[in-house]
Protein backbone atom coordinates (compact mmCIF):
# COMPACT_ATOMS: atom_id res chain seq x y z
CA MET A 1 -128.58 267.80 -5.91
CA GLY A 2 -132.21 267.15 -5.06
CA ARG A 3 -134.61 265.29 -7.32
CA ASN A 4 -136.33 268.50 -8.50
CA ASN A 5 -132.97 270.01 -9.48
CA LEU A 6 -132.05 266.82 -11.31
CA VAL A 7 -135.34 266.76 -13.23
CA GLY A 8 -135.01 270.50 -13.97
CA SER A 9 -131.49 270.00 -15.29
CA TRP A 10 -132.74 267.13 -17.46
CA GLY A 11 -135.45 269.39 -18.92
CA GLU A 12 -132.97 272.18 -19.58
CA ALA A 13 -130.59 269.73 -21.29
CA LEU A 14 -133.47 268.54 -23.53
CA ALA A 15 -134.30 272.15 -24.39
CA ALA A 16 -130.63 272.96 -25.12
CA GLU A 17 -130.33 269.96 -27.45
CA TYR A 18 -133.58 270.89 -29.19
CA LEU A 19 -132.27 274.44 -29.76
CA ARG A 20 -128.88 273.17 -30.93
CA LYS A 21 -130.65 271.14 -33.61
CA LYS A 22 -132.40 274.36 -34.68
CA ARG A 23 -128.97 275.97 -35.15
CA TYR A 24 -128.81 277.99 -31.95
CA THR A 25 -125.54 278.26 -30.04
CA LEU A 26 -125.60 277.87 -26.26
CA VAL A 27 -124.18 281.02 -24.66
CA ALA A 28 -124.99 280.32 -21.00
CA ALA A 29 -127.01 277.96 -18.83
CA ASN A 30 -128.52 278.83 -15.45
CA TYR A 31 -127.37 282.44 -15.46
CA HIS A 32 -127.88 283.77 -11.91
CA CYS A 33 -127.80 287.26 -10.53
CA ARG A 34 -129.43 289.07 -7.62
CA PHE A 35 -132.61 289.60 -9.68
CA GLY A 36 -133.22 286.00 -10.70
CA GLU A 37 -132.18 283.21 -13.04
CA ILE A 38 -132.39 282.56 -16.74
CA ASP A 39 -132.46 278.87 -17.67
CA LEU A 40 -130.75 279.15 -21.07
CA ILE A 41 -129.24 281.92 -23.13
CA VAL A 42 -128.74 281.01 -26.78
CA SER A 43 -127.95 282.88 -29.96
CA ASN A 44 -128.30 282.65 -33.69
CA ARG A 45 -127.32 285.13 -36.41
CA LYS A 46 -130.03 287.60 -35.47
CA TYR A 47 -131.08 287.05 -31.84
CA LEU A 48 -129.75 286.63 -28.33
CA VAL A 49 -132.52 284.54 -26.80
CA PHE A 50 -133.34 284.31 -23.11
CA VAL A 51 -135.13 281.00 -22.64
CA GLU A 52 -137.41 279.94 -19.80
CA VAL A 53 -137.84 276.15 -19.71
CA LYS A 54 -141.02 274.74 -18.17
CA LEU A 55 -141.18 270.99 -17.59
CA ARG A 56 -144.47 269.36 -16.66
CA LYS A 57 -145.96 265.89 -16.69
CA SER A 58 -149.04 267.16 -18.55
CA ALA A 59 -151.14 270.20 -19.38
CA LYS A 60 -154.00 268.79 -17.30
CA PHE A 61 -154.17 271.78 -14.94
CA ALA A 62 -152.61 274.45 -17.17
CA ASN A 63 -150.19 274.76 -20.04
CA ALA A 64 -146.62 275.06 -18.82
CA PHE A 65 -146.40 278.48 -20.48
CA GLU A 66 -149.07 279.80 -18.12
CA TYR A 67 -146.62 279.46 -15.23
CA VAL A 68 -144.59 282.30 -16.78
CA ASP A 69 -146.82 285.00 -15.33
CA SER A 70 -146.24 288.78 -15.41
CA TYR A 71 -144.19 288.63 -12.20
CA LYS A 72 -141.88 285.98 -13.69
CA GLN A 73 -141.68 287.90 -16.98
CA ASN A 74 -140.60 291.06 -15.14
CA ARG A 75 -137.92 289.15 -13.23
CA LEU A 76 -136.65 287.62 -16.49
CA ARG A 77 -136.56 291.07 -18.14
CA THR A 78 -134.62 292.60 -15.26
CA THR A 79 -132.19 289.67 -15.17
CA ALA A 80 -131.69 289.91 -18.94
CA GLU A 81 -131.04 293.66 -18.67
CA LEU A 82 -128.25 293.01 -16.16
CA TYR A 83 -126.82 290.25 -18.38
CA LEU A 84 -126.83 292.62 -21.37
CA SER A 85 -125.16 295.39 -19.35
CA GLU A 86 -122.34 292.94 -18.53
CA ASN A 87 -122.28 291.30 -21.99
CA PRO A 88 -123.03 293.88 -24.69
CA THR A 89 -124.17 292.49 -28.04
CA ASN A 90 -125.40 293.70 -31.42
CA LEU A 91 -127.93 290.87 -31.48
CA GLN A 92 -131.61 291.60 -30.91
CA PRO A 93 -132.76 290.29 -27.50
CA ARG A 94 -135.78 287.99 -27.44
CA PHE A 95 -137.62 285.99 -24.79
CA ASP A 96 -138.72 282.43 -25.60
CA VAL A 97 -140.47 279.79 -23.54
CA ILE A 98 -139.95 276.08 -24.09
CA GLU A 99 -142.60 273.77 -22.70
CA ILE A 100 -141.62 270.15 -22.18
CA TYR A 101 -144.27 267.57 -21.39
CA ALA A 102 -142.86 264.36 -19.97
CA PRO A 103 -145.67 262.17 -18.55
CA ASP A 104 -143.21 259.64 -17.12
CA GLY A 105 -140.67 262.19 -15.92
CA MET A 106 -137.10 261.39 -16.85
CA GLN A 107 -138.26 257.94 -18.03
CA THR A 108 -140.32 259.51 -20.84
CA ASN A 109 -139.06 258.13 -24.16
CA ARG A 110 -140.29 260.98 -26.37
CA PRO A 111 -140.98 264.15 -24.40
CA GLU A 112 -143.21 266.62 -26.23
CA ILE A 113 -141.44 269.96 -26.79
CA HIS A 114 -143.20 273.23 -27.68
CA HIS A 115 -141.05 276.25 -28.52
CA MET A 116 -142.73 279.66 -28.25
CA GLU A 117 -140.56 282.31 -29.87
CA ASP A 118 -140.91 285.92 -28.75
CA ALA A 119 -143.22 284.72 -25.97
CA PHE A 120 -143.40 288.14 -24.31
CA GLN A 121 -141.98 291.60 -24.86
């Protein structure tokens, strides 16, 4: 596993723990299909949430959320549609973005986490 994959996995683990503390249940991590990948899929009583995790050292150039452009949103939607066709649910689907700012990378003691619910339709 390369360094970028290791750092990405660390960020996704932070996001999963953050969501667990907010009473979400982890359904899947790194769901892959021919259309793309979804970092985390979590649920609560009302929603099945498809989560894109963005890890950055800072927002100096742009907020992490801004990297989830319309192209990425369309890929996430298509991937989620395939997931839902294979895993039917009565829960309402939702797309969230979690930004994690870790200035010292994996050595950051207190990464800053921003959770944007219903980030795009």
